[in-house]
Amino acid sequence: DGTALTPVPDNASADFTWTGVGTSDPTSPCTAFAGGECVVTVDSDVVGSGVLEVTGVTATINGDTVTGDTAETLVPAEGGSTSGEKTWVQLVYDISDSATNLIGDLHTFTISAWYDDGSGSLTPVPEPATADFSWTGTGTPTTASPCTLTAGTCEVEVTSTTPGVGELTVTGVTAEIDGDPVTGDTPETLVVAEGGNESSTKTWIEVTVDVTGPAQNLTGDPHEFTLSAFIDSGSGPEPAAGAEFNYTWAGIGTADPASSCLGDANGECVVTVSSDVPGTGTLTIDTVTVTAADGTTCTDVAAVAAEGGITETQKTWVAFDVDITPEEALNLRTKPHTFTIQVQVDAGSGLVDLAIPPSSGEVDWEFTGPDGPDSGTCTLGAIGSCDVVQVSDSIGDGVLTATELRVTYGGIDYTIDLTQTGLGQAASLTIPVEANKTWGGYELVLDPLEAINLYPAQPDHTIGLQLTPEPETDLLPIDGQEIAVTLTSDVATITAVGGGGVIDAPPVTATCITDATGFCEITITSTGPGAATLDASYLATLGNESF
C-alpha cells in the first residue's frame, strides 16, 4: 500500500501453471493461504524438470476484492520470482565386471555413480558423494563402506585366502546436487546404468599340480611321468583342461618334451624321461598356466602341490653287472672246480655288490665241458654271489655261461638278458658272461713195457720213464718232478736211477727225477734168471690239490 509489504489475507488465492514433468497438488488455484503463503507440492515418477509459474493473485483487502494478473498489477518481490523450477533426478550406478583371481591376490572393483536429470546424458555425481555397498560370500573387503566418490568413482579392494565366490552389491548413493542432498537407495531412486552390472562377483581360484611319484627303471628303459593341474573355485579341485606346464629336468638322462607340455581335457600331460647310464634325474614343476571357467587365464602360476600330491619327482635308472670268477682256471681231472657268479648293481654311484637282503635274485647258467652239457639256476647269497661247482673225469675244456639274471632291487622285479645287449646292463658287462675251465692231467709212459734179456750176458736192463702233461702249460710242470718206482723181483734190484747213479743198498723203491723234457731212467740188475716188475707213479699237484 506504499508503506510496506503486507501478507495477503488468508482469504487470498493464487492462480498458477505447472509445465513439464510431474504433477502439482493442489492444482491451480492455490487457496490455502496462511500468513501470506500457500504451499503447492509437486511430484514426479520420472526424471526431468517442471516449472511452476504464478499467473494471478486474488485477495480481499479492506473489503475490496483485488486481483493482480498483469505485469503492472502482479510483480515479483524484490529478489524473488513469479516462477520456480523443480528438477527430479535419478541416481545411476555401475560396478566393474566380475572377475577371477588367484587366492591371495588383491582385486579392485570400481563403483561409478551418475545422476540423470532428464537432459539425455548422465552426469557424474558431484562431490561430496559416497556409495554404500555390501559384500557377501568368500573373501573380505579391505575398503570400508561407504566409499568416497571422486569424480563419480571409488574403488573397493577385496581379497581371499580360500577359493570361492564373493559378491559386491551397491546399496545406496548419496550426493549433493545443485545444493540439495540426494540419496538413492530404492529401486526407484537408484538404478543400474544401461549395460552395467547390478552386482559383480569375484571368484578366487586355487591352482594346484601333481606329478606321478618317484620310480626306478633299468637303464635304457624310458619312463613316463604324468603331470596334472587342478582348479578349485570353491567346490573342490577340478581338472584344469588345457593347462600348460613349465618344468625343469635336472640330473642324468633327458626329458621329452624338454621343458614344457600342454595338458589334455583332463589337465594332464605326459613327459617321457630316459637314460642309458645309471643315476637319478629330477623333474620339478615350476609354473603352470590355466584358464578358469569364465575364460580368465592365469599365467605362470607358481606350482603348489595338490592335497596329497607333489611338485617334484625323481627317476632312478639302475644297471647290473655279472661276472664269473675265475675267468680261466686249470684243475686236475676228477677234481671239482667252483665258479663264483658275482652280481653288482649301479644306481649312479658306481658298482657295488648286490646286498641280499633286502634284494634277492638268481642266475640261470649253462655249462659245456668234456663230460657233456649241464645247466641250472643258482640263488644269490648275502653279497650277491653264488657258486656253481663242476667236475670232469676227462681232460679237456669247459665253459660256464650266465644266461639270465632275475633280481628284485628296490622292491621291483627285473629280468636282464645276459645273452645279448639289452636293458639294465652296466657298461662293464661283457656279453657273453662266461668263464673257461680246463681239466688237465699227466701221461706217464714206461718204455719198454716188456723185454727179455739173456743172463748172464745181459744182467742190466734200463727202463725209460716219460712224464707228459695234458694240456701243455706251465701250470703242469715236468722238469725236476719226482716219479716213484717200486720193483718186485726175486732176482733183480734197482742199481741206477736217473742216468746211472749206483745205489749202494739195492732198494725195492726209488725216486726218479725228470729232466727238462720230463724224462728219467731206472736201471735194474739181475743176479740170475727170473722175472722183475717195475711200477711207477707220479703225485701231480696243482695249487692245493694233488692227484
Protein backbone atom coordinates (compact mmCIF):
# COMPACT_ATOMS: atom_id res chain seq x y z
CA ASP A 1 0.00 0.00 0.00
CA GLY A 2 3.03 2.22 -0.44
CA THR A 3 4.24 1.89 3.10
CA ALA A 4 5.49 -1.75 3.38
CA LEU A 5 4.81 -5.27 2.09
CA THR A 6 1.96 -6.89 3.97
CA PRO A 7 1.00 -10.59 3.60
CA VAL A 8 -2.28 -11.00 1.79
CA PRO A 9 -5.18 -12.05 3.97
CA ASP A 10 -5.92 -15.74 4.37
CA ASN A 11 -8.86 -15.38 2.00
CA ALA A 12 -6.48 -14.94 -0.91
CA SER A 13 -6.00 -17.40 -3.79
CA ALA A 14 -3.21 -17.75 -6.31
CA ASP A 15 -3.56 -18.93 -9.88
CA PHE A 16 -0.58 -20.81 -11.29
CA THR A 17 0.51 -23.04 -14.12
CA TRP A 18 2.62 -26.23 -13.94
CA THR A 19 4.52 -27.27 -17.05
CA GLY A 20 6.99 -30.13 -17.55
CA VAL A 21 7.16 -33.50 -15.85
CA GLY A 22 5.23 -34.39 -12.73
CA THR A 23 2.02 -33.04 -11.17
CA SER A 24 1.06 -30.41 -8.61
CA ASP A 25 -1.08 -30.66 -5.51
CA PRO A 26 -3.29 -28.71 -5.37
CA THR A 27 -3.93 -27.87 -8.91
CA SER A 28 -4.48 -24.18 -9.66
CA PRO A 29 -5.66 -22.14 -7.85
CA CYS A 30 -3.96 -22.46 -4.55
CA THR A 31 -6.37 -21.24 -1.84
CA ALA A 32 -4.89 -22.48 1.40
CA PHE A 33 -3.17 -19.21 2.30
CA ALA A 34 -1.86 -18.67 5.77
CA GLY A 35 0.32 -15.78 6.69
CA GLY A 36 0.55 -14.84 3.06
CA GLU A 37 1.79 -18.28 1.98
CA CYS A 38 0.17 -21.10 0.07
CA VAL A 39 2.03 -24.43 -0.39
CA VAL A 40 1.97 -26.30 -3.68
CA THR A 41 3.54 -29.78 -3.64
CA VAL A 42 4.91 -31.17 -6.92
CA ASP A 43 5.97 -34.74 -7.55
CA SER A 44 7.26 -36.87 -10.42
CA ASP A 45 7.99 -40.54 -11.06
CA VAL A 46 10.24 -39.72 -13.95
CA VAL A 47 13.39 -37.69 -14.25
CA GLY A 48 13.14 -34.20 -15.68
CA SER A 49 12.07 -30.66 -14.75
CA GLY A 50 8.83 -28.84 -14.19
CA VAL A 51 8.12 -25.07 -13.90
CA LEU A 52 5.52 -23.52 -11.61
CA GLU A 53 4.56 -20.01 -12.62
CA VAL A 54 2.16 -17.71 -10.67
CA THR A 55 -0.26 -16.12 -13.11
CA GLY A 56 -2.50 -14.24 -10.70
CA VAL A 57 -3.33 -13.49 -7.09
CA THR A 58 -6.79 -12.53 -5.79
CA ALA A 59 -7.40 -11.20 -2.30
CA THR A 60 -9.97 -9.13 -0.35
CA ILE A 61 -8.25 -6.13 1.09
CA ASN A 62 -10.18 -3.61 3.22
CA GLY A 63 -13.42 -5.06 1.92
CA ASP A 64 -12.44 -4.81 -1.70
CA THR A 65 -11.54 -7.73 -3.99
CA VAL A 66 -8.24 -7.11 -5.65
CA THR A 67 -6.75 -9.23 -8.47
CA GLY A 68 -3.22 -8.95 -9.76
CA ASP A 69 -2.74 -10.73 -13.07
CA THR A 70 -0.77 -8.36 -15.24
CA ALA A 71 2.80 -7.20 -15.29
CA GLU A 72 1.62 -3.95 -13.73
CA THR A 73 -0.62 -5.46 -11.04
CA LEU A 74 1.46 -8.53 -10.14
CA VAL A 75 5.18 -8.22 -9.70
CA PRO A 76 7.79 -10.44 -8.03
CA ALA A 77 9.06 -9.42 -4.64
CA GLU A 78 12.47 -7.90 -4.59
CA GLY A 79 14.92 -10.73 -5.16
CA GLY A 80 12.01 -13.09 -5.76
CA SER A 81 10.39 -14.64 -8.81
CA THR A 82 6.99 -15.38 -10.21
CA SER A 83 8.15 -18.86 -11.26
CA GLY A 84 10.13 -21.76 -9.78
CA GLU A 85 11.72 -24.81 -11.39
CA LYS A 86 11.88 -28.28 -9.92
CA THR A 87 14.24 -30.96 -11.27
CA TRP A 88 13.88 -34.66 -10.45
CA VAL A 89 16.98 -36.76 -10.80
CA GLN A 90 17.65 -40.46 -10.60
CA LEU A 91 20.95 -41.82 -9.33
CA VAL A 92 22.63 -44.35 -11.59
CA TYR A 93 25.49 -46.68 -10.79
CA ASP A 94 27.67 -49.40 -12.26
CA ILE A 95 30.23 -51.88 -10.88
CA SER A 96 33.19 -53.09 -12.86
CA ASP A 97 32.79 -56.55 -14.33
CA SER A 98 33.01 -59.80 -12.43
CA ALA A 99 36.47 -61.30 -12.39
CA THR A 100 38.54 -64.32 -11.45
CA ASN A 101 41.76 -64.13 -9.44
CA LEU A 102 44.17 -66.43 -7.69
CA ILE A 103 43.69 -66.75 -3.97
CA GLY A 104 45.79 -64.25 -2.09
CA ASP A 105 45.62 -61.70 -4.91
CA LEU A 106 44.10 -58.32 -4.14
CA HIS A 107 41.32 -57.34 -6.54
CA THR A 108 39.93 -53.86 -7.12
CA PHE A 109 36.32 -53.19 -8.07
CA THR A 110 35.36 -49.74 -9.37
CA ILE A 111 31.98 -48.27 -8.44
CA SER A 112 30.78 -45.47 -10.71
CA ALA A 113 27.84 -43.18 -9.98
CA TRP A 114 25.97 -40.61 -12.09
CA TYR A 115 22.73 -38.72 -11.93
CA ASP A 116 20.11 -38.50 -14.67
CA ASP A 117 18.25 -35.20 -14.79
CA GLY A 118 16.36 -35.96 -17.97
CA SER A 119 18.69 -33.96 -20.18
CA GLY A 120 19.60 -37.07 -22.16
CA SER A 121 23.05 -37.68 -20.67
CA LEU A 122 24.40 -38.98 -17.39
CA THR A 123 26.46 -36.65 -15.22
CA PRO A 124 28.98 -37.91 -12.66
CA VAL A 125 27.73 -37.16 -9.18
CA PRO A 126 29.46 -34.09 -7.76
CA GLU A 127 31.45 -34.14 -4.58
CA PRO A 128 30.87 -34.75 -1.78
CA ALA A 129 29.34 -38.12 -2.61
CA THR A 130 29.53 -41.65 -1.21
CA ALA A 131 28.48 -45.15 -2.23
CA ASP A 132 27.24 -47.71 0.28
CA PHE A 133 27.96 -51.35 -0.60
CA SER A 134 27.67 -54.83 0.84
CA TRP A 135 29.89 -57.89 0.40
CA THR A 136 28.65 -61.47 0.69
CA GLY A 137 30.35 -64.83 0.17
CA THR A 138 34.03 -65.68 0.12
CA GLY A 139 36.64 -63.05 0.79
CA THR A 140 36.89 -59.81 2.70
CA PRO A 141 36.82 -56.17 1.54
CA THR A 142 39.79 -54.14 2.68
CA THR A 143 37.82 -50.97 1.87
CA ALA A 144 35.15 -49.91 4.37
CA SER A 145 31.61 -48.99 3.31
CA PRO A 146 30.72 -46.34 2.27
CA CYS A 147 33.47 -45.46 -0.16
CA THR A 148 34.05 -41.84 -1.11
CA LEU A 149 33.26 -40.99 -4.72
CA THR A 150 35.74 -38.77 -6.51
CA ALA A 151 34.77 -37.58 -9.97
CA GLY A 152 31.97 -40.10 -9.71
CA THR A 153 34.05 -43.18 -8.91
CA CYS A 154 35.51 -45.06 -5.97
CA GLU A 155 37.45 -48.29 -5.59
CA VAL A 156 36.71 -51.26 -3.38
CA GLU A 157 39.52 -53.75 -2.73
CA VAL A 158 38.77 -57.35 -1.79
CA THR A 159 40.93 -60.38 -1.12
CA SER A 160 40.64 -64.02 -0.04
CA THR A 161 42.96 -66.78 1.10
CA THR A 162 40.49 -69.51 0.20
CA PRO A 163 38.84 -70.41 -3.10
CA GLY A 164 35.22 -69.41 -3.64
CA VAL A 165 32.93 -66.64 -4.86
CA GLY A 166 32.12 -63.28 -3.26
CA GLU A 167 29.59 -60.69 -4.46
CA LEU A 168 29.70 -56.88 -4.31
CA THR A 169 26.38 -55.04 -4.30
CA VAL A 170 25.78 -51.26 -4.23
CA THR A 171 23.07 -50.47 -1.67
CA GLY A 172 22.95 -46.68 -1.91
CA VAL A 173 24.47 -43.50 -3.34
CA THR A 174 24.40 -40.13 -1.60
CA ALA A 175 25.36 -36.89 -3.32
CA GLU A 176 24.67 -33.15 -3.22
CA ILE A 177 23.20 -31.95 -6.49
CA ASP A 178 22.58 -28.25 -7.05
CA GLY A 179 22.98 -27.78 -3.33
CA ASP A 180 20.38 -30.38 -2.41
CA PRO A 181 21.37 -33.68 -0.70
CA VAL A 182 20.09 -36.59 -2.70
CA THR A 183 20.13 -40.24 -1.67
CA GLY A 184 19.29 -43.13 -3.93
CA ASP A 185 18.65 -46.35 -2.03
CA THR A 186 15.47 -47.79 -3.53
CA PRO A 187 14.76 -49.41 -6.89
CA GLU A 188 13.12 -46.16 -7.96
CA THR A 189 15.85 -43.81 -6.88
CA LEU A 190 18.91 -45.92 -7.67
CA VAL A 191 19.17 -47.84 -10.90
CA VAL A 192 21.87 -49.69 -12.80
CA ALA A 193 23.36 -47.94 -15.78
CA GLU A 194 22.27 -49.32 -19.12
CA GLY A 195 24.52 -52.31 -19.87
CA GLY A 196 26.00 -52.08 -16.40
CA ASN A 197 26.30 -54.56 -13.54
CA GLU A 198 23.73 -54.62 -10.77
CA SER A 199 26.31 -56.57 -8.76
CA SER A 200 29.67 -58.11 -9.52
CA THR A 201 31.23 -61.30 -8.34
CA LYS A 202 34.79 -62.17 -7.59
CA THR A 203 35.89 -65.77 -7.99
CA TRP A 204 39.06 -66.81 -6.27
CA ILE A 205 40.64 -69.93 -7.57
CA GLU A 206 43.37 -72.12 -6.18
CA VAL A 207 45.64 -73.75 -8.77
CA THR A 208 47.44 -76.91 -7.74
CA VAL A 209 49.53 -79.52 -9.51
CA ASP A 210 50.69 -83.07 -9.06
CA VAL A 211 53.14 -85.44 -10.75
CA THR A 212 53.36 -89.20 -10.51
CA GLY A 213 55.74 -90.41 -7.86
CA PRO A 214 59.38 -91.44 -7.94
CA ALA A 215 60.24 -94.51 -9.95
CA GLN A 216 63.09 -96.86 -10.75
CA ASN A 217 63.86 -98.37 -14.14
CA LEU A 218 66.56 -100.30 -15.89
CA THR A 219 68.95 -98.20 -17.94
CA GLY A 220 67.71 -97.83 -21.48
CA ASP A 221 64.09 -98.21 -20.38
CA PRO A 222 62.12 -94.95 -20.87
CA HIS A 223 59.72 -93.86 -18.14
CA GLU A 224 56.60 -91.71 -18.37
CA PHE A 225 55.67 -89.14 -15.75
CA THR A 226 52.11 -87.78 -15.76
CA LEU A 227 51.71 -84.11 -14.78
CA SER A 228 48.26 -82.94 -13.58
CA ALA A 229 46.79 -79.50 -12.88
CA PHE A 230 43.63 -78.62 -10.95
CA ILE A 231 41.46 -75.55 -10.36
CA ASP A 232 39.44 -75.16 -7.17
CA SER A 233 36.79 -72.44 -7.43
CA GLY A 234 35.35 -73.24 -4.04
CA SER A 235 33.72 -76.58 -4.73
CA GLY A 236 36.86 -78.69 -4.72
CA PRO A 237 39.63 -79.29 -7.24
CA GLU A 238 38.62 -79.95 -10.83
CA PRO A 239 40.91 -80.86 -13.77
CA ALA A 240 42.37 -77.76 -15.45
CA ALA A 241 41.73 -78.59 -19.08
CA GLY A 242 44.46 -77.40 -21.44
CA ALA A 243 46.87 -76.45 -18.65
CA GLU A 244 50.38 -75.58 -19.79
CA PHE A 245 53.18 -76.87 -17.60
CA ASN A 246 56.69 -75.45 -17.33
CA TYR A 247 59.14 -77.76 -15.64
CA THR A 248 62.83 -78.41 -15.12
CA TRP A 249 64.66 -81.69 -15.64
CA ALA A 250 67.95 -81.99 -13.76
CA GLY A 251 70.39 -84.84 -13.41
CA ILE A 252 71.15 -87.64 -15.81
CA GLY A 253 69.07 -88.51 -18.83
CA THR A 254 66.78 -86.40 -20.95
CA ALA A 255 63.13 -85.34 -20.90
CA ASP A 256 60.76 -85.22 -23.86
CA PRO A 257 59.31 -82.61 -24.19
CA ALA A 258 62.32 -80.84 -22.77
CA SER A 259 60.75 -78.16 -20.56
CA SER A 260 57.02 -77.63 -21.20
CA CYS A 261 53.95 -79.60 -22.19
CA LEU A 262 50.28 -78.91 -22.86
CA GLY A 263 47.64 -80.73 -20.86
CA ASP A 264 44.65 -82.51 -22.33
CA ALA A 265 40.98 -82.16 -21.42
CA ASN A 266 41.76 -83.80 -18.08
CA GLY A 267 44.53 -81.33 -17.32
CA GLU A 268 47.20 -83.98 -17.82
CA CYS A 269 50.30 -84.26 -19.95
CA VAL A 270 52.97 -86.94 -20.21
CA VAL A 271 56.73 -86.36 -20.02
CA THR A 272 58.98 -89.22 -21.11
CA VAL A 273 62.41 -89.44 -19.49
CA SER A 274 65.17 -91.81 -20.48
CA SER A 275 68.81 -92.60 -19.75
CA ASP A 276 71.35 -95.14 -20.94
CA VAL A 277 73.52 -94.69 -17.86
CA PRO A 278 72.68 -95.32 -14.20
CA GLY A 279 71.82 -92.46 -11.89
CA THR A 280 68.96 -90.18 -10.90
CA GLY A 281 67.13 -87.34 -12.62
CA THR A 282 64.67 -84.93 -11.01
CA LEU A 283 61.59 -83.39 -12.62
CA THR A 284 60.32 -80.22 -10.93
CA ILE A 285 57.12 -78.44 -11.96
CA ASP A 286 57.95 -74.73 -11.87
CA THR A 287 54.83 -72.94 -13.10
CA VAL A 288 51.51 -73.71 -14.73
CA THR A 289 49.20 -71.61 -16.89
CA VAL A 290 45.47 -72.35 -16.61
CA THR A 291 42.20 -70.97 -17.94
CA ALA A 292 39.31 -70.61 -15.49
CA ALA A 293 35.68 -71.37 -16.30
CA ASP A 294 34.97 -67.73 -17.18
CA GLY A 295 37.86 -67.64 -19.66
CA THR A 296 40.28 -65.88 -17.34
CA THR A 297 43.84 -67.03 -17.97
CA CYS A 298 46.21 -67.23 -15.04
CA THR A 299 49.71 -67.23 -16.44
CA ASP A 300 52.82 -68.80 -14.95
CA VAL A 301 51.29 -69.62 -11.61
CA ALA A 302 53.92 -70.90 -9.19
CA ALA A 303 53.48 -74.63 -8.69
CA VAL A 304 51.70 -75.63 -5.49
CA ALA A 305 51.18 -79.30 -4.71
CA ALA A 306 47.63 -80.60 -4.67
CA GLU A 307 46.49 -82.22 -1.45
CA GLY A 308 48.47 -85.43 -1.16
CA GLY A 309 50.42 -84.51 -4.27
CA ILE A 310 53.95 -83.41 -5.12
CA THR A 311 55.62 -80.87 -7.40
CA GLU A 312 58.91 -82.76 -7.70
CA THR A 313 59.65 -86.35 -8.56
CA GLN A 314 62.68 -88.49 -9.31
CA LYS A 315 63.61 -91.21 -11.68
CA THR A 316 66.48 -93.60 -10.94
CA TRP A 317 67.98 -95.84 -13.56
CA VAL A 318 69.89 -98.91 -12.40
CA ALA A 319 72.24 -101.24 -14.22
CA PHE A 320 73.66 -104.62 -13.28
CA ASP A 321 76.98 -106.29 -13.89
CA VAL A 322 77.52 -110.04 -13.77
CA ASP A 323 80.98 -111.62 -13.61
CA ILE A 324 82.18 -115.19 -13.23
CA THR A 325 85.44 -115.86 -11.43
CA PRO A 326 87.93 -117.15 -12.02
CA GLU A 327 87.70 -116.25 -15.68
CA GLU A 328 90.14 -119.04 -16.51
CA ALA A 329 91.34 -121.91 -14.38
CA LEU A 330 93.13 -125.27 -14.62
CA ASN A 331 92.22 -128.21 -12.43
CA LEU A 332 93.36 -131.78 -12.30
CA ARG A 333 90.79 -134.10 -13.74
CA THR A 334 88.30 -135.55 -11.26
CA LYS A 335 88.90 -132.53 -9.07
CA PRO A 336 85.79 -130.28 -8.64
CA HIS A 337 86.02 -126.65 -9.64
CA THR A 338 83.99 -123.82 -8.13
CA PHE A 339 82.81 -120.97 -10.32
CA THR A 340 81.63 -117.87 -8.43
CA ILE A 341 78.97 -115.74 -10.11
CA GLN A 342 79.01 -112.18 -8.73
CA VAL A 343 76.21 -109.67 -9.31
CA GLN A 344 76.77 -105.95 -8.78
CA VAL A 345 74.39 -103.01 -9.14
CA ASP A 346 75.00 -99.39 -10.12
CA ALA A 347 72.35 -96.84 -9.15
CA GLY A 348 74.50 -93.89 -10.13
CA SER A 349 77.34 -94.07 -7.60
CA GLY A 350 79.29 -96.90 -9.17
CA LEU A 351 79.08 -100.67 -8.99
CA VAL A 352 78.57 -102.27 -5.58
CA ASP A 353 77.84 -105.84 -4.56
CA LEU A 354 74.12 -106.58 -4.57
CA ALA A 355 73.07 -106.64 -0.93
CA ILE A 356 70.85 -109.57 -0.04
CA PRO A 357 68.64 -108.84 1.76
CA PRO A 358 66.90 -106.50 1.03
CA SER A 359 67.46 -107.51 -2.58
CA SER A 360 67.22 -111.04 -3.93
CA GLY A 361 68.00 -112.78 -7.17
CA GLU A 362 69.04 -115.81 -9.12
CA VAL A 363 71.10 -116.53 -12.21
CA ASP A 364 70.47 -119.12 -14.90
CA TRP A 365 73.61 -120.79 -16.27
CA GLU A 366 74.71 -123.28 -18.89
CA PHE A 367 77.87 -125.37 -18.96
CA THR A 368 79.60 -127.23 -21.75
CA GLY A 369 82.53 -129.47 -20.81
CA PRO A 370 84.47 -132.65 -21.52
CA ASP A 371 81.81 -134.84 -19.91
CA GLY A 372 78.86 -133.14 -21.65
CA PRO A 373 76.48 -130.20 -21.12
CA ASP A 374 74.84 -129.09 -17.89
CA SER A 375 72.53 -126.24 -16.83
CA GLY A 376 70.87 -124.85 -13.74
CA THR A 377 69.99 -121.87 -11.57
CA CYS A 378 71.95 -120.53 -8.64
CA THR A 379 70.42 -118.36 -5.92
CA LEU A 380 72.35 -115.26 -4.94
CA GLY A 381 73.71 -115.11 -1.42
CA ALA A 382 74.46 -112.32 1.02
CA ILE A 383 76.82 -110.27 -1.16
CA GLY A 384 75.07 -111.01 -4.43
CA SER A 385 77.08 -114.09 -5.33
CA CYS A 386 76.50 -117.78 -5.81
CA ASP A 387 78.67 -120.79 -6.65
CA VAL A 388 78.44 -123.32 -9.43
CA VAL A 389 80.58 -126.46 -8.97
CA GLN A 390 81.66 -128.53 -11.97
CA VAL A 391 83.86 -131.60 -12.21
CA SER A 392 85.20 -133.68 -15.08
CA ASP A 393 86.65 -137.15 -15.19
CA SER A 394 88.12 -136.31 -18.56
CA ILE A 395 90.82 -133.99 -19.71
CA GLY A 396 89.51 -131.05 -21.71
CA ASP A 397 87.96 -127.57 -21.69
CA GLY A 398 84.67 -126.39 -20.24
CA VAL A 399 82.79 -123.07 -20.45
CA LEU A 400 80.27 -121.77 -17.89
CA THR A 401 77.91 -119.13 -19.31
CA ALA A 402 75.44 -117.00 -17.32
CA THR A 403 72.32 -116.59 -19.47
CA GLU A 404 69.79 -114.63 -17.41
CA LEU A 405 69.63 -112.58 -14.21
CA ARG A 406 66.39 -112.28 -12.30
CA VAL A 407 66.66 -109.83 -9.44
CA THR A 408 64.50 -107.86 -7.03
CA TYR A 409 66.02 -104.47 -6.32
CA GLY A 410 64.34 -101.53 -4.63
CA GLY A 411 61.19 -103.62 -4.38
CA ILE A 412 61.00 -104.05 -8.16
CA ASP A 413 61.50 -107.26 -10.11
CA TYR A 414 63.80 -107.16 -13.11
CA THR A 415 64.87 -109.70 -15.71
CA ILE A 416 68.15 -109.00 -17.51
CA ASP A 417 69.07 -110.98 -20.60
CA LEU A 418 72.75 -111.90 -20.46
CA THR A 419 72.96 -113.40 -23.94
CA GLN A 420 72.63 -110.18 -25.93
CA THR A 421 72.84 -106.42 -25.44
CA GLY A 422 69.75 -105.12 -23.67
CA LEU A 423 68.19 -103.09 -20.87
CA GLY A 424 69.81 -102.75 -17.46
CA GLN A 425 73.29 -103.84 -18.46
CA ALA A 426 76.21 -101.99 -16.89
CA ALA A 427 78.84 -100.62 -19.25
CA SER A 428 81.33 -103.08 -17.79
CA LEU A 429 79.15 -106.09 -18.57
CA THR A 430 80.70 -108.30 -21.24
CA ILE A 431 78.44 -110.41 -23.42
CA PRO A 432 78.61 -113.39 -23.21
CA VAL A 433 79.15 -113.66 -19.47
CA GLU A 434 81.39 -116.70 -19.25
CA ALA A 435 84.42 -118.31 -17.67
CA ASN A 436 86.68 -121.04 -19.02
CA LYS A 437 87.79 -124.15 -17.19
CA THR A 438 90.42 -126.68 -18.26
CA TRP A 439 90.82 -130.06 -16.64
CA GLY A 440 94.35 -131.39 -17.03
CA GLY A 441 96.50 -134.38 -16.12
CA TYR A 442 99.63 -136.34 -16.99
CA GLU A 443 100.51 -139.30 -19.10
CA LEU A 444 103.26 -141.46 -17.56
CA VAL A 445 104.78 -143.98 -20.00
CA LEU A 446 107.40 -146.68 -19.25
CA ASP A 447 109.45 -147.85 -22.20
CA PRO A 448 109.86 -150.63 -22.90
CA LEU A 449 106.84 -152.11 -21.29
CA GLU A 450 108.17 -155.63 -21.75
CA ALA A 451 111.66 -157.04 -22.51
CA ILE A 452 113.69 -160.27 -22.41
CA ASN A 453 117.37 -160.21 -21.58
CA LEU A 454 119.89 -163.12 -21.70
CA TYR A 455 121.58 -163.97 -18.44
CA PRO A 456 124.40 -163.67 -17.65
CA ALA A 457 125.28 -161.86 -20.89
CA GLN A 458 122.72 -159.08 -20.26
CA PRO A 459 122.26 -158.64 -16.49
CA ASP A 460 121.38 -154.91 -16.71
CA HIS A 461 118.09 -153.58 -18.07
CA THR A 462 117.23 -149.88 -18.42
CA ILE A 463 113.64 -148.61 -18.48
CA GLY A 464 112.80 -145.04 -19.58
CA LEU A 465 110.03 -143.05 -17.86
CA GLN A 466 108.37 -140.21 -19.79
CA LEU A 467 106.09 -137.68 -18.00
CA THR A 468 103.87 -135.72 -20.42
CA PRO A 469 101.34 -133.03 -19.33
CA GLU A 470 97.91 -132.55 -20.96
CA PRO A 471 97.49 -129.77 -21.84
CA GLU A 472 100.98 -128.37 -22.12
CA THR A 473 101.14 -125.48 -19.69
CA ASP A 474 103.49 -124.06 -17.12
CA LEU A 475 100.86 -124.91 -14.54
CA LEU A 476 101.66 -128.61 -15.15
CA PRO A 477 105.48 -128.83 -14.72
CA ILE A 478 107.63 -131.72 -15.99
CA ASP A 479 111.18 -130.62 -15.07
CA GLY A 480 112.56 -131.95 -11.78
CA GLN A 481 109.44 -133.92 -10.93
CA GLU A 482 109.70 -136.95 -8.65
CA ILE A 483 108.46 -140.25 -10.08
CA ALA A 484 108.18 -143.02 -7.52
CA VAL A 485 109.15 -146.51 -8.70
CA THR A 486 108.71 -149.88 -6.99
CA LEU A 487 110.49 -153.07 -8.04
CA THR A 488 109.03 -156.52 -7.48
CA SER A 489 111.51 -159.33 -8.23
CA ASP A 490 113.29 -162.36 -6.70
CA VAL A 491 116.42 -161.87 -8.80
CA ALA A 492 116.84 -158.17 -9.60
CA THR A 493 117.50 -154.93 -7.76
CA ILE A 494 117.45 -151.26 -8.73
CA THR A 495 121.04 -150.32 -9.39
CA ALA A 496 120.84 -146.92 -11.08
CA VAL A 497 118.41 -144.01 -11.15
CA GLY A 498 118.25 -141.04 -13.48
CA GLY A 499 121.14 -141.91 -15.77
CA GLY A 500 123.31 -144.49 -13.99
CA GLY A 501 123.82 -143.48 -10.38
CA VAL A 502 124.72 -146.59 -8.34
CA ILE A 503 122.56 -147.44 -5.37
CA ASP A 504 124.58 -148.99 -2.62
CA ALA A 505 121.83 -150.93 -0.96
CA PRO A 506 119.61 -152.38 -3.59
CA PRO A 507 116.22 -150.78 -2.82
CA VAL A 508 112.78 -152.06 -3.54
CA THR A 509 111.65 -148.40 -4.16
CA ALA A 510 113.36 -145.38 -5.59
CA THR A 511 112.67 -141.87 -6.88
CA CYS A 512 113.37 -140.90 -10.45
CA ILE A 513 113.85 -137.13 -11.06
CA THR A 514 112.78 -135.93 -14.52
CA ASP A 515 114.83 -133.69 -16.73
CA ALA A 516 113.61 -130.67 -18.69
CA THR A 517 111.82 -132.97 -21.11
CA GLY A 518 110.06 -134.92 -18.39
CA PHE A 519 112.27 -137.95 -18.87
CA CYS A 520 114.25 -140.13 -16.48
CA GLU A 521 115.64 -143.72 -16.39
CA ILE A 522 115.74 -146.65 -14.00
CA THR A 523 118.34 -149.43 -14.35
CA ILE A 524 117.75 -152.82 -12.77
CA THR A 525 120.34 -155.59 -12.49
CA SER A 526 119.59 -159.30 -12.28
CA THR A 527 121.61 -161.84 -10.30
CA GLY A 528 120.16 -164.78 -12.14
CA PRO A 529 117.39 -165.93 -14.41
CA GLY A 530 113.94 -164.84 -13.38
CA ALA A 531 111.42 -162.04 -13.71
CA ALA A 532 111.05 -158.47 -12.48
CA THR A 533 108.14 -155.96 -12.47
CA LEU A 534 108.60 -152.21 -12.14
CA ASP A 535 105.67 -149.98 -11.12
CA ALA A 536 105.83 -146.14 -11.47
CA SER A 537 103.57 -143.39 -10.10
CA TYR A 538 103.52 -139.60 -10.05
CA LEU A 539 101.80 -137.39 -7.47
CA ALA A 540 100.57 -134.41 -9.53
CA THR A 541 99.99 -131.21 -7.55
CA LEU A 542 98.09 -128.12 -8.74
CA GLY A 543 97.51 -125.40 -6.22
CA ASN A 544 96.44 -127.16 -3.07
CA GLU A 545 95.13 -130.21 -4.87
CA SER A 546 97.01 -133.43 -5.62
CA PHE A 547 96.21 -136.45 -7.79
